[in-house]
Amino acid sequence: MSGQSSWAEVRQRMRAGAPEANDAEREARRQAARTATEAYVLGHHLRVIRCSCAPPFIATGFDTGCR
């Protein structure tokens, strides 16, 4: 045995380890994780945009939060 697992085996072990979670709950968790990841990425993109505009605002004393 190589010590590696296929995704199907991993999913099977995950389901065996948490039998109380049904498919609807798993899908809700997946969707919540996707939403959180998307919010994180969008927040990062907005910060990059804000920081690219930082020099004019620094002169006025406006704190852009870029560090």
PDB file of N, CA and C in Angstrom:
ATOM      1  N   MET A   1       0.841  -1.183   0.000  1.00  0.00           N
ATOM      2  CA  MET A   1       0.000   0.000   0.000  1.00  0.00           C
ATOM      3  C   MET A   1       0.879   1.236   0.000  1.00  0.00           C
ATOM      4  N   SER A   2       0.535   2.232  -0.790  1.00  0.00           N
ATOM      5  CA  SER A   2       1.370   3.417  -0.963  1.00  0.00           C
ATOM      6  C   SER A   2       1.135   4.474   0.108  1.00  0.00           C
ATOM      7  N   GLY A   3       0.087   4.361   0.875  1.00  0.00           N
ATOM      8  CA  GLY A   3      -0.212   5.366   1.885  1.00  0.00           C
ATOM      9  C   GLY A   3      -1.037   6.526   1.348  1.00  0.00           C
ATOM     10  N   GLN A   4      -1.331   6.499   0.065  1.00  0.00           N
ATOM     11  CA  GLN A   4      -2.144   7.559  -0.541  1.00  0.00           C
ATOM     12  C   GLN A   4      -3.590   7.101  -0.638  1.00  0.00           C
ATOM     13  N   SER A   5      -4.488   8.067  -0.637  1.00  0.00           N
ATOM     14  CA  SER A   5      -5.915   7.767  -0.719  1.00  0.00           C
ATOM     15  C   SER A   5      -6.526   8.491  -1.900  1.00  0.00           C
ATOM     16  N   SER A   6      -7.535   7.886  -2.472  1.00  0.00           N
ATOM     17  CA  SER A   6      -8.289   8.565  -3.519  1.00  0.00           C
ATOM     18  C   SER A   6      -9.299   9.505  -2.848  1.00  0.00           C
ATOM     19  N   TRP A   7      -9.813  10.442  -3.622  1.00  0.00           N
ATOM     20  CA  TRP A   7     -10.809  11.370  -3.065  1.00  0.00           C
ATOM     21  C   TRP A   7     -12.045  10.616  -2.601  1.00  0.00           C
ATOM     22  N   ALA A   8     -12.406   9.559  -3.305  1.00  0.00           N
ATOM     23  CA  ALA A   8     -13.584   8.770  -2.910  1.00  0.00           C
ATOM     24  C   ALA A   8     -13.375   8.155  -1.529  1.00  0.00           C
ATOM     25  N   GLU A   9     -12.165   7.641  -1.279  1.00  0.00           N
ATOM     26  CA  GLU A   9     -11.872   7.069   0.040  1.00  0.00           C
ATOM     27  C   GLU A   9     -11.893   8.138   1.125  1.00  0.00           C
ATOM     28  N   VAL A  10     -11.358   9.306   0.809  1.00  0.00           N
ATOM     29  CA  VAL A  10     -11.345  10.402   1.787  1.00  0.00           C
ATOM     30  C   VAL A  10     -12.772  10.812   2.132  1.00  0.00           C
ATOM     31  N   ARG A  11     -13.603  10.957   1.121  1.00  0.00           N
ATOM     32  CA  ARG A  11     -15.001  11.336   1.363  1.00  0.00           C
ATOM     33  C   ARG A  11     -15.729  10.273   2.178  1.00  0.00           C
ATOM     34  N   GLN A  12     -15.452   9.010   1.873  1.00  0.00           N
ATOM     35  CA  GLN A  12     -16.087   7.915   2.613  1.00  0.00           C
ATOM     36  C   GLN A  12     -15.682   7.957   4.085  1.00  0.00           C
ATOM     37  N   ARG A  13     -14.405   8.179   4.364  1.00  0.00           N
ATOM     38  CA  ARG A  13     -13.950   8.276   5.758  1.00  0.00           C
ATOM     39  C   ARG A  13     -14.558   9.493   6.448  1.00  0.00           C
ATOM     40  N   MET A  14     -14.677  10.603   5.715  1.00  0.00           N
ATOM     41  CA  MET A  14     -15.270  11.802   6.289  1.00  0.00           C
ATOM     42  C   MET A  14     -16.730  11.546   6.684  1.00  0.00           C
ATOM     43  N   ARG A  15     -17.471  10.901   5.794  1.00  0.00           N
ATOM     44  CA  ARG A  15     -18.872  10.606   6.089  1.00  0.00           C
ATOM     45  C   ARG A  15     -19.004   9.620   7.238  1.00  0.00           C
ATOM     46  N   ALA A  16     -18.095   8.664   7.326  1.00  0.00           N
ATOM     47  CA  ALA A  16     -18.133   7.691   8.423  1.00  0.00           C
ATOM     48  C   ALA A  16     -17.789   8.374   9.748  1.00  0.00           C
ATOM     49  N   GLY A  17     -16.945   9.386   9.706  1.00  0.00           N
ATOM     50  CA  GLY A  17     -16.548  10.089  10.926  1.00  0.00           C
ATOM     51  C   GLY A  17     -17.586  11.070  11.436  1.00  0.00           C
ATOM     52  N   ALA A  18     -18.492  11.514  10.572  1.00  0.00           N
ATOM     53  CA  ALA A  18     -19.530  12.464  10.973  1.00  0.00           C
ATOM     54  C   ALA A  18     -20.884  11.989  10.452  1.00  0.00           C
ATOM     55  N   PRO A  19     -21.396  10.874  10.973  1.00  0.00           N
ATOM     56  CA  PRO A  19     -22.663  10.344  10.450  1.00  0.00           C
ATOM     57  C   PRO A  19     -23.867  11.236  10.770  1.00  0.00           C
ATOM     58  N   GLU A  20     -23.722  12.136  11.744  1.00  0.00           N
ATOM     59  CA  GLU A  20     -24.868  12.980  12.112  1.00  0.00           C
ATOM     60  C   GLU A  20     -25.163  14.051  11.053  1.00  0.00           C
ATOM     61  N   ALA A  21     -24.188  14.338  10.199  1.00  0.00           N
ATOM     62  CA  ALA A  21     -24.393  15.355   9.168  1.00  0.00           C
ATOM     63  C   ALA A  21     -24.956  14.689   7.911  1.00  0.00           C
ATOM     64  N   ASN A  22     -26.108  15.154   7.480  1.00  0.00           N
ATOM     65  CA  ASN A  22     -26.689  14.591   6.260  1.00  0.00           C
ATOM     66  C   ASN A  22     -26.203  15.389   5.045  1.00  0.00           C
ATOM     67  N   ASP A  23     -26.618  14.970   3.878  1.00  0.00           N
ATOM     68  CA  ASP A  23     -26.139  15.611   2.646  1.00  0.00           C
ATOM     69  C   ASP A  23     -26.542  17.084   2.563  1.00  0.00           C
ATOM     70  N   ALA A  24     -27.733  17.409   3.035  1.00  0.00           N
ATOM     71  CA  ALA A  24     -28.173  18.807   2.996  1.00  0.00           C
ATOM     72  C   ALA A  24     -27.292  19.683   3.893  1.00  0.00           C
ATOM     73  N   GLU A  25     -26.941  19.166   5.063  1.00  0.00           N
ATOM     74  CA  GLU A  25     -26.071  19.918   5.962  1.00  0.00           C
ATOM     75  C   GLU A  25     -24.677  20.080   5.363  1.00  0.00           C
ATOM     76  N   ARG A  26     -24.179  19.017   4.745  1.00  0.00           N
ATOM     77  CA  ARG A  26     -22.859  19.101   4.104  1.00  0.00           C
ATOM     78  C   ARG A  26     -22.864  20.144   2.990  1.00  0.00           C
ATOM     79  N   GLU A  27     -23.918  20.141   2.190  1.00  0.00           N
ATOM     80  CA  GLU A  27     -24.005  21.109   1.098  1.00  0.00           C
ATOM     81  C   GLU A  27     -24.101  22.531   1.645  1.00  0.00           C
ATOM     82  N   ALA A  28     -24.836  22.704   2.745  1.00  0.00           N
ATOM     83  CA  ALA A  28     -24.933  24.030   3.368  1.00  0.00           C
ATOM     84  C   ALA A  28     -23.563  24.482   3.878  1.00  0.00           C
ATOM     85  N   ARG A  29     -22.818  23.561   4.451  1.00  0.00           N
ATOM     86  CA  ARG A  29     -21.464  23.894   4.915  1.00  0.00           C
ATOM     87  C   ARG A  29     -20.555  24.253   3.753  1.00  0.00           C
ATOM     88  N   ARG A  30     -20.652  23.482   2.674  1.00  0.00           N
ATOM     89  CA  ARG A  30     -19.843  23.779   1.483  1.00  0.00           C
ATOM     90  C   ARG A  30     -20.168  25.156   0.936  1.00  0.00           C
ATOM     91  N   GLN A  31     -21.461  25.472   0.870  1.00  0.00           N
ATOM     92  CA  GLN A  31     -21.874  26.774   0.346  1.00  0.00           C
ATOM     93  C   GLN A  31     -21.392  27.893   1.252  1.00  0.00           C
ATOM     94  N   ALA A  32     -21.461  27.700   2.561  1.00  0.00           N
ATOM     95  CA  ALA A  32     -20.963  28.709   3.499  1.00  0.00           C
ATOM     96  C   ALA A  32     -19.458  28.905   3.329  1.00  0.00           C
ATOM     97  N   ALA A  33     -18.731  27.815   3.120  1.00  0.00           N
ATOM     98  CA  ALA A  33     -17.288  27.915   2.907  1.00  0.00           C
ATOM     99  C   ALA A  33     -16.981  28.635   1.600  1.00  0.00           C
ATOM    100  N   ARG A  34     -17.745  28.335   0.554  1.00  0.00           N
ATOM    101  CA  ARG A  34     -17.542  29.026  -0.729  1.00  0.00           C
ATOM    102  C   ARG A  34     -17.812  30.522  -0.586  1.00  0.00           C
ATOM    103  N   THR A  35     -18.888  30.862   0.116  1.00  0.00           N
ATOM    104  CA  THR A  35     -19.239  32.260   0.311  1.00  0.00           C
ATOM    105  C   THR A  35     -18.158  32.985   1.101  1.00  0.00           C
ATOM    106  N   ALA A  36     -17.663  32.351   2.156  1.00  0.00           N
ATOM    107  CA  ALA A  36     -16.604  32.970   2.956  1.00  0.00           C
ATOM    108  C   ALA A  36     -15.332  33.157   2.146  1.00  0.00           C
ATOM    109  N   THR A  37     -14.990  32.177   1.325  1.00  0.00           N
ATOM    110  CA  THR A  37     -13.791  32.284   0.492  1.00  0.00           C
ATOM    111  C   THR A  37     -13.953  33.396  -0.533  1.00  0.00           C
ATOM    112  N   GLU A  38     -15.117  33.467  -1.144  1.00  0.00           N
ATOM    113  CA  GLU A  38     -15.363  34.507  -2.133  1.00  0.00           C
ATOM    114  C   GLU A  38     -15.300  35.888  -1.492  1.00  0.00           C
ATOM    115  N   ALA A  39     -15.856  36.039  -0.301  1.00  0.00           N
ATOM    116  CA  ALA A  39     -15.802  37.317   0.404  1.00  0.00           C
ATOM    117  C   ALA A  39     -14.357  37.691   0.732  1.00  0.00           C
ATOM    118  N   TYR A  40     -13.566  36.715   1.144  1.00  0.00           N
ATOM    119  CA  TYR A  40     -12.157  36.960   1.458  1.00  0.00           C
ATOM    120  C   TYR A  40     -11.403  37.437   0.216  1.00  0.00           C
ATOM    121  N   VAL A  41     -11.619  36.752  -0.912  1.00  0.00           N
ATOM    122  CA  VAL A  41     -10.931  37.119  -2.147  1.00  0.00           C
ATOM    123  C   VAL A  41     -11.372  38.495  -2.624  1.00  0.00           C
ATOM    124  N   LEU A  42     -12.664  38.769  -2.581  1.00  0.00           N
ATOM    125  CA  LEU A  42     -13.156  40.080  -2.999  1.00  0.00           C
ATOM    126  C   LEU A  42     -12.608  41.179  -2.092  1.00  0.00           C
ATOM    127  N   GLY A  43     -12.539  40.911  -0.797  1.00  0.00           N
ATOM    128  CA  GLY A  43     -11.964  41.879   0.128  1.00  0.00           C
ATOM    129  C   GLY A  43     -10.513  42.154  -0.195  1.00  0.00           C
ATOM    130  N   HIS A  44      -9.772  41.120  -0.537  1.00  0.00           N
ATOM    131  CA  HIS A  44      -8.369  41.303  -0.925  1.00  0.00           C
ATOM    132  C   HIS A  44      -8.276  42.166  -2.173  1.00  0.00           C
ATOM    133  N   HIS A  45      -9.116  41.881  -3.165  1.00  0.00           N
ATOM    134  CA  HIS A  45      -9.091  42.668  -4.394  1.00  0.00           C
ATOM    135  C   HIS A  45      -9.426  44.131  -4.110  1.00  0.00           C
ATOM    136  N   LEU A  46     -10.411  44.376  -3.262  1.00  0.00           N
ATOM    137  CA  LEU A  46     -10.754  45.759  -2.923  1.00  0.00           C
ATOM    138  C   LEU A  46      -9.602  46.463  -2.219  1.00  0.00           C
ATOM    139  N   ARG A  47      -8.902  45.741  -1.350  1.00  0.00           N
ATOM    140  CA  ARG A  47      -7.759  46.334  -0.654  1.00  0.00           C
ATOM    141  C   ARG A  47      -6.666  46.697  -1.653  1.00  0.00           C
ATOM    142  N   VAL A  48      -6.421  45.833  -2.632  1.00  0.00           N
ATOM    143  CA  VAL A  48      -5.415  46.135  -3.651  1.00  0.00           C
ATOM    144  C   VAL A  48      -5.810  47.386  -4.418  1.00  0.00           C
ATOM    145  N   ILE A  49      -7.079  47.495  -4.764  1.00  0.00           N
ATOM    146  CA  ILE A  49      -7.550  48.676  -5.486  1.00  0.00           C
ATOM    147  C   ILE A  49      -7.375  49.923  -4.625  1.00  0.00           C
ATOM    148  N   ARG A  50      -7.778  49.839  -3.351  1.00  0.00           N
ATOM    149  CA  ARG A  50      -7.633  50.985  -2.453  1.00  0.00           C
ATOM    150  C   ARG A  50      -6.175  51.385  -2.294  1.00  0.00           C
ATOM    151  N   CYS A  51      -5.294  50.402  -2.136  1.00  0.00           N
ATOM    152  CA  CYS A  51      -3.877  50.701  -1.919  1.00  0.00           C
ATOM    153  C   CYS A  51      -3.236  51.268  -3.172  1.00  0.00           C
ATOM    154  N   SER A  52      -3.749  50.906  -4.336  1.00  0.00           N
ATOM    155  CA  SER A  52      -3.189  51.468  -5.561  1.00  0.00           C
ATOM    156  C   SER A  52      -3.558  52.937  -5.685  1.00  0.00           C
ATOM    157  N   CYS A  53      -4.575  53.369  -4.944  1.00  0.00           N
ATOM    158  CA  CYS A  53      -4.991  54.777  -4.958  1.00  0.00           C
ATOM    159  C   CYS A  53      -4.460  55.526  -3.744  1.00  0.00           C
ATOM    160  N   ALA A  54      -3.619  54.895  -2.944  1.00  0.00           N
ATOM    161  CA  ALA A  54      -3.207  55.462  -1.664  1.00  0.00           C
ATOM    162  C   ALA A  54      -2.449  56.789  -1.745  1.00  0.00           C
ATOM    163  N   PRO A  55      -1.482  56.980  -2.643  1.00  0.00           N
ATOM    164  CA  PRO A  55      -0.688  58.218  -2.576  1.00  0.00           C
ATOM    165  C   PRO A  55      -1.484  59.523  -2.540  1.00  0.00           C
ATOM    166  N   PRO A  56      -2.517  59.730  -3.372  1.00  0.00           N
ATOM    167  CA  PRO A  56      -3.251  61.003  -3.257  1.00  0.00           C
ATOM    168  C   PRO A  56      -3.958  61.167  -1.909  1.00  0.00           C
ATOM    169  N   PHE A  57      -4.434  60.050  -1.322  1.00  0.00           N
ATOM    170  CA  PHE A  57      -5.154  60.148  -0.069  1.00  0.00           C
ATOM    171  C   PHE A  57      -4.237  60.379   1.113  1.00  0.00           C
ATOM    172  N   ILE A  58      -3.003  59.897   1.028  1.00  0.00           N
ATOM    173  CA  ILE A  58      -2.068  60.074   2.132  1.00  0.00           C
ATOM    174  C   ILE A  58      -1.812  61.565   2.364  1.00  0.00           C
ATOM    175  N   ALA A  59      -1.751  62.329   1.308  1.00  0.00           N
ATOM    176  CA  ALA A  59      -1.505  63.767   1.423  1.00  0.00           C
ATOM    177  C   ALA A  59      -2.638  64.472   2.158  1.00  0.00           C
ATOM    178  N   THR A  60      -3.847  63.940   2.074  1.00  0.00           N
ATOM    179  CA  THR A  60      -4.994  64.580   2.720  1.00  0.00           C
ATOM    180  C   THR A  60      -5.196  64.072   4.136  1.00  0.00           C
ATOM    181  N   GLY A  61      -4.422  63.039   4.543  1.00  0.00           N
ATOM    182  CA  GLY A  61      -4.563  62.505   5.891  1.00  0.00           C
ATOM    183  C   GLY A  61      -5.619  61.427   5.978  1.00  0.00           C
ATOM    184  N   PHE A  62      -6.186  61.019   4.867  1.00  0.00           N
ATOM    185  CA  PHE A  62      -7.196  59.953   4.878  1.00  0.00           C
ATOM    186  C   PHE A  62      -6.486  58.622   5.053  1.00  0.00           C
ATOM    187  N   ASP A  63      -6.906  57.845   6.055  1.00  0.00           N
ATOM    188  CA  ASP A  63      -6.268  56.562   6.321  1.00  0.00           C
ATOM    189  C   ASP A  63      -6.913  55.493   5.440  1.00  0.00           C
ATOM    190  N   THR A  64      -6.137  54.943   4.511  1.00  0.00           N
ATOM    191  CA  THR A  64      -6.653  53.920   3.615  1.00  0.00           C
ATOM    192  C   THR A  64      -6.586  52.534   4.238  1.00  0.00           C
ATOM    193  N   GLY A  65      -5.830  52.374   5.307  1.00  0.00           N
ATOM    194  CA  GLY A  65      -5.689  51.080   5.941  1.00  0.00           C
ATOM    195  C   GLY A  65      -4.656  50.196   5.268  1.00  0.00           C
ATOM    196  N   CYS A  66      -3.921  50.733   4.305  1.00  0.00           N
ATOM    197  CA  CYS A  66      -2.881  49.960   3.601  1.00  0.00           C
ATOM    198  C   CYS A  66      -1.609  49.965   4.411  1.00  0.00           C
ATOM    199  N   ARG A  67      -1.093  48.796   4.646  1.00  0.00           N
ATOM    200  CA  ARG A  67       0.149  48.689   5.397  1.00  0.00           C
ATOM    201  C   ARG A  67       1.046  47.699   4.741  1.00  0.00           C
TER     202      ARG A  67
END
